[in-house]
N, C-alpha and C. Protein backbone atom coordinates (compact mmCIF):
# COMPACT_ATOMS: atom_id res chain seq x y z
N MET A 1 65.84 103.83 64.32
CA MET A 1 66.14 103.71 65.96
C MET A 1 65.51 105.04 66.37
N LYS A 2 64.70 105.13 67.39
CA LYS A 2 64.29 106.17 68.07
C LYS A 2 65.18 106.72 69.30
N ILE A 3 65.07 107.96 69.53
CA ILE A 3 66.08 108.37 70.80
C ILE A 3 65.71 107.49 71.75
N THR A 4 64.55 106.99 72.41
CA THR A 4 64.21 106.39 73.67
C THR A 4 65.17 105.07 73.22
N GLU A 5 64.95 104.25 72.24
CA GLU A 5 65.70 103.16 71.76
C GLU A 5 67.07 103.32 71.92
N LYS A 6 67.77 104.30 71.54
CA LYS A 6 69.08 104.53 71.65
C LYS A 6 69.54 104.64 73.16
N ILE A 7 68.59 105.44 73.89
CA ILE A 7 68.87 105.68 75.36
C ILE A 7 68.90 104.48 76.16
N ALA A 8 67.85 103.65 75.80
CA ALA A 8 67.84 102.17 76.53
C ALA A 8 68.89 101.38 76.19
N ASN A 9 69.36 101.25 74.84
CA ASN A 9 70.63 100.42 74.65
C ASN A 9 71.95 101.24 75.14
N ALA A 10 71.96 102.42 75.50
CA ALA A 10 73.08 103.07 76.07
C ALA A 10 73.22 102.71 77.62
N LYS A 11 71.92 102.60 78.04
CA LYS A 11 71.97 102.27 79.70
C LYS A 11 72.17 100.80 79.86
N LYS A 12 71.97 100.17 78.83
CA LYS A 12 72.29 98.67 79.22
C LYS A 12 73.76 98.47 78.94
N ARG A 13 74.37 98.93 78.03
CA ARG A 13 75.82 98.88 77.77
C ARG A 13 76.51 99.56 79.15
N ILE A 14 75.94 100.70 79.48
CA ILE A 14 76.72 101.27 80.78
C ILE A 14 76.47 100.12 81.90
N ASP A 15 75.37 99.61 81.92
CA ASP A 15 75.19 98.61 83.11
C ASP A 15 76.17 97.36 83.06
N GLU A 16 76.37 97.27 81.72
CA GLU A 16 77.17 95.90 81.49
C GLU A 16 78.77 96.16 81.64
N LEU A 17 79.14 97.46 81.40
CA LEU A 17 80.34 97.75 81.49
C LEU A 17 80.87 97.95 83.10
N GLU A 18 79.79 98.50 83.79
CA GLU A 18 79.97 98.61 85.17
C GLU A 18 79.89 97.23 85.87
N ARG A 19 79.32 96.27 85.59
CA ARG A 19 79.53 94.76 86.01
C ARG A 19 80.97 94.33 85.62
N LEU A 20 81.28 94.55 84.39
CA LEU A 20 82.65 94.25 84.06
C LEU A 20 83.70 94.89 84.98
N ILE A 21 83.62 96.38 85.32
CA ILE A 21 84.34 96.99 86.10
C ILE A 21 84.71 96.37 87.58
N LYS A 22 83.31 96.14 87.90
CA LYS A 22 83.18 95.44 89.27
C LYS A 22 83.77 94.08 89.31
N TYR A 23 83.77 93.50 88.42
CA TYR A 23 84.27 92.06 88.49
C TYR A 23 85.70 91.99 88.16
N TRP A 24 86.28 92.97 87.33
CA TRP A 24 87.82 92.91 87.22
C TRP A 24 88.33 93.46 88.53
N ASN A 25 87.58 94.62 89.23
CA ASN A 25 88.40 94.98 90.40
C ASN A 25 88.09 93.78 91.43
N ASP A 26 87.33 92.97 91.71
CA ASP A 26 87.35 91.84 92.41
C ASP A 26 87.94 91.05 92.13
N LEU A 27 88.55 90.73 90.86
CA LEU A 27 89.65 89.63 90.70
C LEU A 27 90.99 90.15 90.87
N GLU A 28 91.40 91.59 90.84
CA GLU A 28 92.58 92.26 91.24
C GLU A 28 92.53 92.05 92.83
N HIS A 29 91.41 92.18 93.38
CA HIS A 29 91.56 92.39 94.94
C HIS A 29 91.80 90.71 95.39
N ASP A 30 91.23 89.81 94.57
CA ASP A 30 91.42 88.37 95.10
C ASP A 30 92.77 87.72 94.59
N GLU A 31 93.40 88.11 93.48
CA GLU A 31 94.49 87.93 93.10
C GLU A 31 95.87 88.38 94.45
N ALA A 32 95.38 89.65 94.74
CA ALA A 32 96.37 90.34 95.75
C ALA A 32 96.57 89.58 96.95
N LYS A 33 95.13 89.03 97.47
CA LYS A 33 95.20 87.85 98.29
C LYS A 33 95.98 86.86 98.28
N ILE A 34 96.09 86.26 96.98
CA ILE A 34 96.58 84.95 96.75
C ILE A 34 98.08 85.47 96.94
N VAL A 35 98.50 86.37 96.15
CA VAL A 35 99.97 86.64 96.43
C VAL A 35 100.71 86.82 97.99
N ASN A 36 99.48 87.65 98.71
CA ASN A 36 99.84 87.94 99.80
C ASN A 36 100.13 86.33 100.87
N LEU A 37 99.08 85.47 100.49
CA LEU A 37 99.31 84.25 101.29
C LEU A 37 100.42 83.36 100.67
N THR A 38 100.71 83.42 99.40
CA THR A 38 101.79 82.60 98.93
C THR A 38 103.11 83.39 99.54
N MET A 39 103.36 84.52 99.56
CA MET A 39 104.50 85.20 100.49
C MET A 39 104.65 84.73 101.85
N LYS A 40 103.48 84.77 102.41
CA LYS A 40 103.47 84.36 103.97
C LYS A 40 103.77 82.96 103.94
N ASN A 41 103.40 82.14 103.11
CA ASN A 41 104.02 80.69 103.23
C ASN A 41 105.59 80.65 103.06
N GLU A 42 105.99 81.33 102.04
CA GLU A 42 107.44 81.28 101.64
C GLU A 42 108.21 81.44 102.82
N ASN A 43 107.75 82.91 103.71
CA ASN A 43 108.61 83.13 104.94
C ASN A 43 108.60 82.09 105.83
N LYS A 44 107.49 81.19 106.12
CA LYS A 44 107.46 80.56 106.94
C LYS A 44 108.25 79.19 106.91
N VAL A 45 108.40 78.72 105.73
CA VAL A 45 109.14 77.56 105.20
C VAL A 45 110.64 78.08 105.27
N ALA A 46 111.13 79.16 104.67
CA ALA A 46 112.34 79.54 104.80
C ALA A 46 112.73 80.14 106.04
């Protein structure tokens, strides 16, 4: 494998990792919204 191929493969892996990190961060943000909504509903019912 040539160095240019190694660099291209490394860039692909980095891009994949960045997409995964963004996806995980978005999931955590959405989960926080769900928890907040649940807590608000409980306060209204109680």
